[in-house]
Amino acid sequence: MNFNIALLQISPTGSLEGNLAKGIDACRQAKKMGADLAVFPEMWCNGYELLFQGYLDKNTVSEDEIKAWHDKAIAENHNFVESFARLSKELEMAIAITFFERTDKLPKNTVIIFDRFGKKILKYSKIHTVDFKMEKFIDSGDSFNVGDLDFGRGSVRIGSMICFDRDFPEAARILMLNGAEIIVVPNACHVYDIYHAQMKIRAYENCFATLMVNYPIQAKSTNDSNGRSCAYSPVFRNLDRIEVDPALVVMGEIEEIAIAQLDLRSLRDFRKIDIRGNAYRKPKYYGELIRPRDK
């Protein structure tokens, strides 16, 4: 039984309205390609537009500039977000939409997954914000949640990280402990070879599939993205112990949409026999991981 995920490696248009229209068109294309779920890159509402891309120790940012940036955030009930809820129901396809979320306090970097009925089954806000850049001035999320996604032919346990979360194995580990079978990772940065290795190892050590969706390379861009979206299965050998390629999709740098086909039956059979994930952990010895330390 395949679960088909569309990686929407697409360029932003420069406006909220343009990104809405282009995003809707991309989802329609994904549906025609057989997708059960379409995943956007990070903060699709504005193309991960930051006030500036540099490091904070090299720039001065005024309160007025920060406020102007925050004013561009949109609420969860904004038409941009709700349009994708309606579209998911129309297409009978799940959609993971990303946006700069307005809250009662500071904005957040958020993804919401709507199922094929238009129901919100998961909301996640980036916990490991990039605090040495502009994300210092937004709020973090507070939990790594997992949702049950009914895709018609079955269901799958799904979770999310966002970009910099990739660099913290604790994030993936908690999602594994919460029962995730696949992790979607909206992304907006330059993807090096090591990031592909990172996604492969996160899948391997937690016995779930990983899928990272980045922006394509762009002539004029507010970020340093270069495409190279990817998806990996944890299944590196079959039940006969013959090595298999865990790569489901490895994309190039240009704008395109690709489908990753995840064989859920093989994944679940593998999880029953594999020694990784939660099989032989000894958490009573892991107290050092949560002991506060000075930076």
C-alpha atoms as a PDB file:
ATOM      1  CA  MET A   1       0.000   0.000   0.000  1.00  0.00           C
ATOM      2  CA  ASN A   2       1.645   3.214  -1.173  1.00  0.00           C
ATOM      3  CA  PHE A   3       1.213   6.578   0.487  1.00  0.00           C
ATOM      4  CA  ASN A   4       2.034   9.191  -2.162  1.00  0.00           C
ATOM      5  CA  ILE A   5       3.482  12.551  -1.099  1.00  0.00           C
ATOM      6  CA  ALA A   6       4.009  15.501  -3.444  1.00  0.00           C
ATOM      7  CA  LEU A   7       7.086  17.621  -2.789  1.00  0.00           C
ATOM      8  CA  LEU A   8       6.146  21.114  -3.989  1.00  0.00           C
ATOM      9  CA  GLN A   9       9.579  22.549  -4.798  1.00  0.00           C
ATOM     10  CA  ILE A  10       8.194  25.799  -6.175  1.00  0.00           C
ATOM     11  CA  SER A  11       9.271  29.456  -6.220  1.00  0.00           C
ATOM     12  CA  PRO A  12       7.293  32.193  -4.442  1.00  0.00           C
ATOM     13  CA  THR A  13       5.727  34.989  -6.480  1.00  0.00           C
ATOM     14  CA  GLY A  14       6.487  37.942  -4.225  1.00  0.00           C
ATOM     15  CA  SER A  15       2.965  38.457  -2.880  1.00  0.00           C
ATOM     16  CA  LEU A  16       0.506  36.698  -0.601  1.00  0.00           C
ATOM     17  CA  GLU A  17      -2.149  36.646  -3.318  1.00  0.00           C
ATOM     18  CA  GLY A  18       0.295  35.324  -5.884  1.00  0.00           C
ATOM     19  CA  ASN A  19       1.506  32.586  -3.545  1.00  0.00           C
ATOM     20  CA  LEU A  20      -2.088  31.580  -2.833  1.00  0.00           C
ATOM     21  CA  ALA A  21      -2.893  31.251  -6.541  1.00  0.00           C
ATOM     22  CA  LYS A  22       0.351  29.456  -7.358  1.00  0.00           C
ATOM     23  CA  GLY A  23      -0.028  27.167  -4.360  1.00  0.00           C
ATOM     24  CA  ILE A  24      -3.536  26.181  -5.388  1.00  0.00           C
ATOM     25  CA  ASP A  25      -2.339  25.417  -8.903  1.00  0.00           C
ATOM     26  CA  ALA A  26       0.552  23.323  -7.535  1.00  0.00           C
ATOM     27  CA  CYS A  27      -1.857  21.311  -5.383  1.00  0.00           C
ATOM     28  CA  ARG A  28      -4.089  20.647  -8.383  1.00  0.00           C
ATOM     29  CA  GLN A  29      -1.056  19.400 -10.310  1.00  0.00           C
ATOM     30  CA  ALA A  30      -0.082  17.195  -7.369  1.00  0.00           C
ATOM     31  CA  LYS A  31      -3.547  15.657  -7.281  1.00  0.00           C
ATOM     32  CA  LYS A  32      -3.316  14.831 -10.998  1.00  0.00           C
ATOM     33  CA  MET A  33       0.019  13.143 -10.257  1.00  0.00           C
ATOM     34  CA  GLY A  34      -1.662  10.862  -7.734  1.00  0.00           C
ATOM     35  CA  ALA A  35      -0.673  12.574  -4.475  1.00  0.00           C
ATOM     36  CA  ASP A  36      -2.335  11.738  -1.165  1.00  0.00           C
ATOM     37  CA  LEU A  37      -0.545  14.654   0.512  1.00  0.00           C
ATOM     38  CA  ALA A  38       1.071  17.819  -0.868  1.00  0.00           C
ATOM     39  CA  VAL A  39       3.797  19.538   1.194  1.00  0.00           C
ATOM     40  CA  PHE A  40       4.940  23.162   0.791  1.00  0.00           C
ATOM     41  CA  PRO A  41       8.351  24.650   1.611  1.00  0.00           C
ATOM     42  CA  GLU A  42       8.745  26.661   4.796  1.00  0.00           C
ATOM     43  CA  MET A  43       6.554  29.752   5.322  1.00  0.00           C
ATOM     44  CA  TRP A  44       4.959  29.578   1.857  1.00  0.00           C
ATOM     45  CA  CYS A  45       2.706  32.586   2.492  1.00  0.00           C
ATOM     46  CA  ASN A  46       5.670  34.919   1.971  1.00  0.00           C
ATOM     47  CA  GLY A  47       8.389  32.684   0.528  1.00  0.00           C
ATOM     48  CA  TYR A  48      10.263  32.741   3.841  1.00  0.00           C
ATOM     49  CA  GLU A  49      10.668  36.482   3.516  1.00  0.00           C
ATOM     50  CA  LEU A  50      12.766  37.862   6.365  1.00  0.00           C
ATOM     51  CA  LEU A  51      13.688  41.437   7.093  1.00  0.00           C
ATOM     52  CA  PHE A  52      17.271  40.493   6.270  1.00  0.00           C
ATOM     53  CA  GLN A  53      19.287  37.304   5.886  1.00  0.00           C
ATOM     54  CA  GLY A  54      22.417  38.239   7.800  1.00  0.00           C
ATOM     55  CA  TYR A  55      23.551  37.364  11.292  1.00  0.00           C
ATOM     56  CA  LEU A  56      22.284  39.534  14.112  1.00  0.00           C
ATOM     57  CA  ASP A  57      25.756  40.385  15.377  1.00  0.00           C
ATOM     58  CA  LYS A  58      26.454  42.071  12.039  1.00  0.00           C
ATOM     59  CA  ASN A  59      23.209  44.029  11.727  1.00  0.00           C
ATOM     60  CA  THR A  60      21.182  46.554  13.625  1.00  0.00           C
ATOM     61  CA  VAL A  61      17.425  46.055  13.590  1.00  0.00           C
ATOM     62  CA  SER A  62      15.101  48.737  14.902  1.00  0.00           C
ATOM     63  CA  GLU A  63      11.881  48.115  16.803  1.00  0.00           C
ATOM     64  CA  ASP A  64       9.967  49.758  13.957  1.00  0.00           C
ATOM     65  CA  GLU A  65      11.501  47.370  11.422  1.00  0.00           C
ATOM     66  CA  ILE A  66      10.655  44.362  13.564  1.00  0.00           C
ATOM     67  CA  LYS A  67       7.074  45.573  13.995  1.00  0.00           C
ATOM     68  CA  ALA A  68       6.694  46.120  10.247  1.00  0.00           C
ATOM     69  CA  TRP A  69       7.866  42.560   9.663  1.00  0.00           C
ATOM     70  CA  HIS A  70       5.532  41.173  12.320  1.00  0.00           C
ATOM     71  CA  ASP A  71       2.616  43.043  10.760  1.00  0.00           C
ATOM     72  CA  LYS A  72       2.931  40.782   7.710  1.00  0.00           C
ATOM     73  CA  ALA A  73       1.980  37.718   9.759  1.00  0.00           C
ATOM     74  CA  ILE A  74      -1.448  36.165   9.113  1.00  0.00           C
ATOM     75  CA  ALA A  75      -3.841  34.427  11.493  1.00  0.00           C
ATOM     76  CA  GLU A  76      -4.760  30.765  11.280  1.00  0.00           C
ATOM     77  CA  ASN A  77      -8.266  31.748  10.141  1.00  0.00           C
ATOM     78  CA  HIS A  78      -6.956  33.999   7.353  1.00  0.00           C
ATOM     79  CA  ASN A  79      -8.357  33.308   3.893  1.00  0.00           C
ATOM     80  CA  PHE A  80      -4.901  32.181   2.740  1.00  0.00           C
ATOM     81  CA  VAL A  81      -4.904  29.281   5.201  1.00  0.00           C
ATOM     82  CA  GLU A  82      -8.594  28.482   4.975  1.00  0.00           C
ATOM     83  CA  SER A  83      -8.364  28.361   1.182  1.00  0.00           C
ATOM     84  CA  PHE A  84      -6.125  25.318   1.493  1.00  0.00           C
ATOM     85  CA  ALA A  85      -8.534  23.710   3.945  1.00  0.00           C
ATOM     86  CA  ARG A  86     -11.294  24.099   1.377  1.00  0.00           C
ATOM     87  CA  LEU A  87      -9.015  22.925  -1.417  1.00  0.00           C
ATOM     88  CA  SER A  88      -8.031  19.770   0.460  1.00  0.00           C
ATOM     89  CA  LYS A  89     -11.710  18.864   0.752  1.00  0.00           C
ATOM     90  CA  GLU A  90     -12.381  19.693  -2.902  1.00  0.00           C
ATOM     91  CA  LEU A  91      -9.434  17.620  -4.145  1.00  0.00           C
ATOM     92  CA  GLU A  92      -9.822  14.908  -1.493  1.00  0.00           C
ATOM     93  CA  MET A  93      -6.097  15.288  -0.879  1.00  0.00           C
ATOM     94  CA  ALA A  94      -4.268  16.275   2.300  1.00  0.00           C
ATOM     95  CA  ILE A  95      -2.256  19.514   2.238  1.00  0.00           C
ATOM     96  CA  ALA A  96       0.563  20.665   4.527  1.00  0.00           C
ATOM     97  CA  ILE A  97       0.428  24.458   4.262  1.00  0.00           C
ATOM     98  CA  THR A  98       3.088  26.674   5.865  1.00  0.00           C
ATOM     99  CA  PHE A  99       2.755  30.293   6.960  1.00  0.00           C
ATOM    100  CA  PHE A 100       3.983  33.147   9.170  1.00  0.00           C
ATOM    101  CA  GLU A 101       1.355  32.908  11.909  1.00  0.00           C
ATOM    102  CA  ARG A 102      -0.059  35.903  13.744  1.00  0.00           C
ATOM    103  CA  THR A 103      -0.720  35.128  17.431  1.00  0.00           C
ATOM    104  CA  ASP A 104      -1.730  37.089  20.536  1.00  0.00           C
ATOM    105  CA  LYS A 105       1.973  37.477  21.268  1.00  0.00           C
ATOM    106  CA  LEU A 106       4.794  37.171  18.747  1.00  0.00           C
ATOM    107  CA  PRO A 107       4.368  35.491  15.342  1.00  0.00           C
ATOM    108  CA  LYS A 108       5.282  31.836  14.797  1.00  0.00           C
ATOM    109  CA  ASN A 109       6.652  29.773  11.914  1.00  0.00           C
ATOM    110  CA  THR A 110       3.830  27.257  11.446  1.00  0.00           C
ATOM    111  CA  VAL A 111       2.638  24.316   9.377  1.00  0.00           C
ATOM    112  CA  ILE A 112      -0.916  22.945   9.385  1.00  0.00           C
ATOM    113  CA  ILE A 113      -1.877  19.638   7.796  1.00  0.00           C
ATOM    114  CA  PHE A 114      -5.444  19.415   6.509  1.00  0.00           C
ATOM    115  CA  ASP A 115      -6.720  15.962   5.654  1.00  0.00           C
ATOM    116  CA  ARG A 116      -8.777  15.020   2.583  1.00  0.00           C
ATOM    117  CA  PHE A 117     -11.933  16.157   4.383  1.00  0.00           C
ATOM    118  CA  GLY A 118     -10.524  19.631   5.055  1.00  0.00           C
ATOM    119  CA  LYS A 119     -10.045  18.834   8.745  1.00  0.00           C
ATOM    120  CA  LYS A 120      -6.971  20.055  10.615  1.00  0.00           C
ATOM    121  CA  ILE A 121      -5.197  16.941  11.903  1.00  0.00           C
ATOM    122  CA  LEU A 122      -1.882  18.536  12.872  1.00  0.00           C
ATOM    123  CA  LYS A 123      -0.541  21.972  13.694  1.00  0.00           C
ATOM    124  CA  TYR A 124       3.121  22.497  14.468  1.00  0.00           C
ATOM    125  CA  SER A 125       5.124  25.666  15.084  1.00  0.00           C
ATOM    126  CA  LYS A 126       8.893  25.609  14.708  1.00  0.00           C
ATOM    127  CA  ILE A 127      10.572  24.995  18.053  1.00  0.00           C
ATOM    128  CA  HIS A 128      14.223  25.426  17.072  1.00  0.00           C
ATOM    129  CA  THR A 129      13.895  28.938  15.694  1.00  0.00           C
ATOM    130  CA  VAL A 130      17.004  30.409  14.056  1.00  0.00           C
ATOM    131  CA  ASP A 131      17.798  32.739  16.934  1.00  0.00           C
ATOM    132  CA  PHE A 132      21.045  34.036  15.462  1.00  0.00           C
ATOM    133  CA  LYS A 133      19.002  35.595  12.650  1.00  0.00           C
ATOM    134  CA  MET A 134      15.589  37.235  12.331  1.00  0.00           C
ATOM    135  CA  GLU A 135      13.744  34.311  13.902  1.00  0.00           C
ATOM    136  CA  LYS A 136      15.083  35.579  17.220  1.00  0.00           C
ATOM    137  CA  PHE A 137      12.108  37.938  17.123  1.00  0.00           C
ATOM    138  CA  ILE A 138       9.378  35.270  16.852  1.00  0.00           C
ATOM    139  CA  ASP A 139       7.993  32.713  19.296  1.00  0.00           C
ATOM    140  CA  SER A 140       8.775  29.012  19.307  1.00  0.00           C
ATOM    141  CA  GLY A 141       6.264  26.212  19.361  1.00  0.00           C
ATOM    142  CA  ASP A 142       6.050  24.055  22.467  1.00  0.00           C
ATOM    143  CA  SER A 143       5.409  20.429  21.460  1.00  0.00           C
ATOM    144  CA  PHE A 144       6.164  17.830  18.806  1.00  0.00           C
ATOM    145  CA  ASN A 145       2.710  16.506  17.986  1.00  0.00           C
ATOM    146  CA  VAL A 146       1.696  13.599  15.775  1.00  0.00           C
ATOM    147  CA  GLY A 147      -1.614  13.272  13.918  1.00  0.00           C
ATOM    148  CA  ASP A 148      -3.530  10.441  12.272  1.00  0.00           C
ATOM    149  CA  LEU A 149      -4.002  11.104   8.572  1.00  0.00           C
ATOM    150  CA  ASP A 150      -6.771   9.210   6.778  1.00  0.00           C
ATOM    151  CA  PHE A 151      -5.837   9.145   3.092  1.00  0.00           C
ATOM    152  CA  GLY A 152      -8.627   6.911   1.830  1.00  0.00           C
ATOM    153  CA  ARG A 153      -6.809   3.609   1.353  1.00  0.00           C
ATOM    154  CA  GLY A 154      -5.612   3.633   4.941  1.00  0.00           C
ATOM    155  CA  SER A 155      -4.151   5.958   7.534  1.00  0.00           C
ATOM    156  CA  VAL A 156      -0.667   7.024   8.592  1.00  0.00           C
ATOM    157  CA  ARG A 157       0.785   8.606  11.721  1.00  0.00           C
ATOM    158  CA  ILE A 158       2.414  11.878  10.671  1.00  0.00           C
ATOM    159  CA  GLY A 159       4.495  14.535  12.376  1.00  0.00           C
ATOM    160  CA  SER A 160       6.495  17.581  11.352  1.00  0.00           C
ATOM    161  CA  MET A 161       9.704  19.425  11.940  1.00  0.00           C
ATOM    162  CA  ILE A 162      10.615  22.713  10.231  1.00  0.00           C
ATOM    163  CA  CYS A 163      14.061  23.417   8.740  1.00  0.00           C
ATOM    164  CA  PHE A 164      16.484  24.043  11.671  1.00  0.00           C
ATOM    165  CA  ASP A 165      14.646  21.401  13.744  1.00  0.00           C
ATOM    166  CA  ARG A 166      16.496  18.905  11.531  1.00  0.00           C
ATOM    167  CA  ASP A 167      19.721  19.690  13.359  1.00  0.00           C
ATOM    168  CA  PHE A 168      18.428  18.466  16.717  1.00  0.00           C
ATOM    169  CA  PRO A 169      18.091  14.675  17.018  1.00  0.00           C
ATOM    170  CA  GLU A 170      15.932  15.141  20.106  1.00  0.00           C
ATOM    171  CA  ALA A 171      13.132  16.543  17.938  1.00  0.00           C
ATOM    172  CA  ALA A 172      13.026  13.481  15.711  1.00  0.00           C
ATOM    173  CA  ARG A 173      13.336  11.179  18.729  1.00  0.00           C
ATOM    174  CA  ILE A 174      10.296  12.684  20.436  1.00  0.00           C
ATOM    175  CA  LEU A 175       8.271  12.356  17.241  1.00  0.00           C
ATOM    176  CA  MET A 176       9.300   8.696  17.054  1.00  0.00           C
ATOM    177  CA  LEU A 177       8.229   8.141  20.661  1.00  0.00           C
ATOM    178  CA  ASN A 178       4.895   9.782  19.836  1.00  0.00           C
ATOM    179  CA  GLY A 179       4.317   7.156  17.158  1.00  0.00           C
ATOM    180  CA  ALA A 180       5.210   8.973  13.937  1.00  0.00           C
ATOM    181  CA  GLU A 181       5.600   6.854  10.808  1.00  0.00           C
ATOM    182  CA  ILE A 182       6.565   9.773   8.565  1.00  0.00           C
ATOM    183  CA  ILE A 183       7.958  13.244   9.249  1.00  0.00           C
ATOM    184  CA  VAL A 184       7.464  16.120   6.819  1.00  0.00           C
ATOM    185  CA  VAL A 185      10.069  18.895   6.981  1.00  0.00           C
ATOM    186  CA  PRO A 186       9.232  22.199   5.250  1.00  0.00           C
ATOM    187  CA  ASN A 187      12.553  23.910   4.558  1.00  0.00           C
ATOM    188  CA  ALA A 188      14.081  27.195   3.343  1.00  0.00           C
ATOM    189  CA  CYS A 189      17.854  27.199   3.139  1.00  0.00           C
ATOM    190  CA  HIS A 190      20.842  26.045   1.113  1.00  0.00           C
ATOM    191  CA  VAL A 191      20.807  22.237   1.162  1.00  0.00           C
ATOM    192  CA  TYR A 192      24.246  20.653   1.353  1.00  0.00           C
ATOM    193  CA  ASP A 193      25.042  16.970   0.868  1.00  0.00           C
ATOM    194  CA  ILE A 194      25.256  16.522   4.630  1.00  0.00           C
ATOM    195  CA  TYR A 195      21.585  17.534   4.949  1.00  0.00           C
ATOM    196  CA  HIS A 196      20.602  14.593   2.762  1.00  0.00           C
ATOM    197  CA  ALA A 197      22.729  12.342   4.962  1.00  0.00           C
ATOM    198  CA  GLN A 198      21.031  13.910   7.965  1.00  0.00           C
ATOM    199  CA  MET A 199      17.546  13.113   6.648  1.00  0.00           C
ATOM    200  CA  LYS A 200      18.635   9.580   5.796  1.00  0.00           C
ATOM    201  CA  ILE A 201      20.050   9.023   9.294  1.00  0.00           C
ATOM    202  CA  ARG A 202      17.001  10.546  11.020  1.00  0.00           C
ATOM    203  CA  ALA A 203      14.920   7.973   9.144  1.00  0.00           C
ATOM    204  CA  TYR A 204      17.356   5.139   9.920  1.00  0.00           C
ATOM    205  CA  GLU A 205      17.739   5.778  13.651  1.00  0.00           C
ATOM    206  CA  ASN A 206      14.035   6.408  14.329  1.00  0.00           C
ATOM    207  CA  CYS A 207      12.524   3.870  11.939  1.00  0.00           C
ATOM    208  CA  PHE A 208      10.249   6.393  10.236  1.00  0.00           C
ATOM    209  CA  ALA A 209      10.256   8.023   6.805  1.00  0.00           C
ATOM    210  CA  THR A 210      11.503  11.597   6.361  1.00  0.00           C
ATOM    211  CA  LEU A 211      10.588  14.117   3.677  1.00  0.00           C
ATOM    212  CA  MET A 212      12.175  17.574   3.261  1.00  0.00           C
ATOM    213  CA  VAL A 213      10.700  20.180   0.879  1.00  0.00           C
ATOM    214  CA  ASN A 214      12.865  23.168  -0.038  1.00  0.00           C
ATOM    215  CA  TYR A 215      12.539  26.174  -2.348  1.00  0.00           C
ATOM    216  CA  PRO A 216      14.209  25.841  -5.766  1.00  0.00           C
ATOM    217  CA  ILE A 217      17.224  27.916  -6.712  1.00  0.00           C
ATOM    218  CA  GLN A 218      16.098  31.423  -7.677  1.00  0.00           C
ATOM    219  CA  ALA A 219      17.744  34.300  -9.529  1.00  0.00           C
ATOM    220  CA  LYS A 220      16.232  36.824  -7.125  1.00  0.00           C
ATOM    221  CA  SER A 221      15.547  35.332  -3.731  1.00  0.00           C
ATOM    222  CA  THR A 222      15.066  36.351  -0.113  1.00  0.00           C
ATOM    223  CA  ASN A 223      16.762  33.140   0.955  1.00  0.00           C
ATOM    224  CA  ASP A 224      19.670  30.962  -0.109  1.00  0.00           C
ATOM    225  CA  SER A 225      17.613  27.941  -1.137  1.00  0.00           C
ATOM    226  CA  ASN A 226      18.840  25.634  -3.876  1.00  0.00           C
ATOM    227  CA  GLY A 227      16.149  22.958  -4.134  1.00  0.00           C
ATOM    228  CA  ARG A 228      17.421  19.409  -3.575  1.00  0.00           C
ATOM    229  CA  SER A 229      14.286  18.330  -1.719  1.00  0.00           C
ATOM    230  CA  CYS A 230      14.348  14.680  -0.707  1.00  0.00           C
ATOM    231  CA  ALA A 231      12.510  11.778   0.898  1.00  0.00           C
ATOM    232  CA  TYR A 232      13.936   8.703   2.612  1.00  0.00           C
ATOM    233  CA  SER A 233      12.511   5.463   3.952  1.00  0.00           C
ATOM    234  CA  PRO A 234      14.069   3.785   6.998  1.00  0.00           C
ATOM    235  CA  VAL A 235      14.008   0.489   5.097  1.00  0.00           C
ATOM    236  CA  PHE A 236      17.649  -0.061   4.127  1.00  0.00           C
ATOM    237  CA  ARG A 237      17.314  -3.835   3.746  1.00  0.00           C
ATOM    238  CA  ASN A 238      14.418  -6.140   2.937  1.00  0.00           C
ATOM    239  CA  LEU A 239      13.156  -9.040   5.029  1.00  0.00           C
ATOM    240  CA  ASP A 240      15.713 -11.284   3.313  1.00  0.00           C
ATOM    241  CA  ARG A 241      18.441  -8.942   4.631  1.00  0.00           C
ATOM    242  CA  ILE A 242      19.332  -7.774   1.132  1.00  0.00           C
ATOM    243  CA  GLU A 243      20.343  -4.101   1.068  1.00  0.00           C
ATOM    244  CA  VAL A 244      17.946  -1.726  -0.685  1.00  0.00           C
ATOM    245  CA  ASP A 245      18.174   1.990  -1.485  1.00  0.00           C
ATOM    246  CA  PRO A 246      16.263   4.014   1.142  1.00  0.00           C
ATOM    247  CA  ALA A 247      16.013   7.069  -1.143  1.00  0.00           C
ATOM    248  CA  LEU A 248      12.448   7.662  -2.317  1.00  0.00           C
ATOM    249  CA  VAL A 249      13.101  10.998  -4.044  1.00  0.00           C
ATOM    250  CA  VAL A 250      16.191  13.171  -4.466  1.00  0.00           C
ATOM    251  CA  MET A 251      15.391  16.295  -6.482  1.00  0.00           C
ATOM    252  CA  GLY A 252      17.535  18.769  -8.393  1.00  0.00           C
ATOM    253  CA  GLU A 253      17.757  22.535  -7.997  1.00  0.00           C
ATOM    254  CA  ILE A 254      15.025  23.712 -10.384  1.00  0.00           C
ATOM    255  CA  GLU A 255      11.341  24.333  -9.784  1.00  0.00           C
ATOM    256  CA  GLU A 256       9.366  21.102 -10.040  1.00  0.00           C
ATOM    257  CA  ILE A 257       6.930  18.800  -8.284  1.00  0.00           C
ATOM    258  CA  ALA A 258       7.889  15.217  -7.484  1.00  0.00           C
ATOM    259  CA  ILE A 259       6.021  12.296  -5.923  1.00  0.00           C
ATOM    260  CA  ALA A 260       7.558  10.152  -3.191  1.00  0.00           C
ATOM    261  CA  GLN A 261       5.903   6.747  -2.944  1.00  0.00           C
ATOM    262  CA  LEU A 262       6.156   5.326   0.572  1.00  0.00           C
ATOM    263  CA  ASP A 263       5.292   1.623   0.855  1.00  0.00           C
ATOM    264  CA  LEU A 264       3.540   1.599   4.216  1.00  0.00           C
ATOM    265  CA  ARG A 265       3.267  -2.184   4.384  1.00  0.00           C
ATOM    266  CA  SER A 266       7.017  -2.603   3.941  1.00  0.00           C
ATOM    267  CA  LEU A 267       7.668   0.206   6.418  1.00  0.00           C
ATOM    268  CA  ARG A 268       5.465  -1.401   9.067  1.00  0.00           C
ATOM    269  CA  ASP A 269       6.852  -4.881   8.511  1.00  0.00           C
ATOM    270  CA  PHE A 270      10.345  -3.450   8.875  1.00  0.00           C
ATOM    271  CA  ARG A 271       9.469  -1.592  12.063  1.00  0.00           C
ATOM    272  CA  LYS A 272       8.329  -4.859  13.667  1.00  0.00           C
ATOM    273  CA  ILE A 273      11.744  -6.477  13.292  1.00  0.00           C
ATOM    274  CA  ASP A 274      14.224  -3.601  13.318  1.00  0.00           C
ATOM    275  CA  ILE A 275      16.461  -2.971  16.333  1.00  0.00           C
ATOM    276  CA  ARG A 276      16.348   0.827  16.065  1.00  0.00           C
ATOM    277  CA  GLY A 277      13.620   3.272  17.101  1.00  0.00           C
ATOM    278  CA  ASN A 278      12.345   2.456  20.569  1.00  0.00           C
ATOM    279  CA  ALA A 279      13.302  -1.233  20.530  1.00  0.00           C
ATOM    280  CA  TYR A 280      16.339  -1.180  22.827  1.00  0.00           C
ATOM    281  CA  ARG A 281      16.525   2.312  24.265  1.00  0.00           C
ATOM    282  CA  LYS A 282      17.607   2.800  27.911  1.00  0.00           C
ATOM    283  CA  PRO A 283      16.085   6.173  28.820  1.00  0.00           C
ATOM    284  CA  LYS A 284      16.925   5.855  32.529  1.00  0.00           C
ATOM    285  CA  TYR A 285      20.488   6.749  31.543  1.00  0.00           C
ATOM    286  CA  TYR A 286      19.572   9.802  29.474  1.00  0.00           C
ATOM    287  CA  GLY A 287      19.082  12.345  32.241  1.00  0.00           C
ATOM    288  CA  GLU A 288      22.025  14.438  31.028  1.00  0.00           C
ATOM    289  CA  LEU A 289      19.995  15.319  27.935  1.00  0.00           C
ATOM    290  CA  ILE A 290      17.544  17.411  29.934  1.00  0.00           C
ATOM    291  CA  ARG A 291      19.840  18.820  32.621  1.00  0.00           C
ATOM    292  CA  PRO A 292      20.038  22.619  32.222  1.00  0.00           C
ATOM    293  CA  ARG A 293      23.476  23.852  31.237  1.00  0.00           C
ATOM    294  CA  ASP A 294      25.073  27.235  30.694  1.00  0.00           C
ATOM    295  CA  LYS A 295      25.698  27.959  27.028  1.00  0.00           C
END
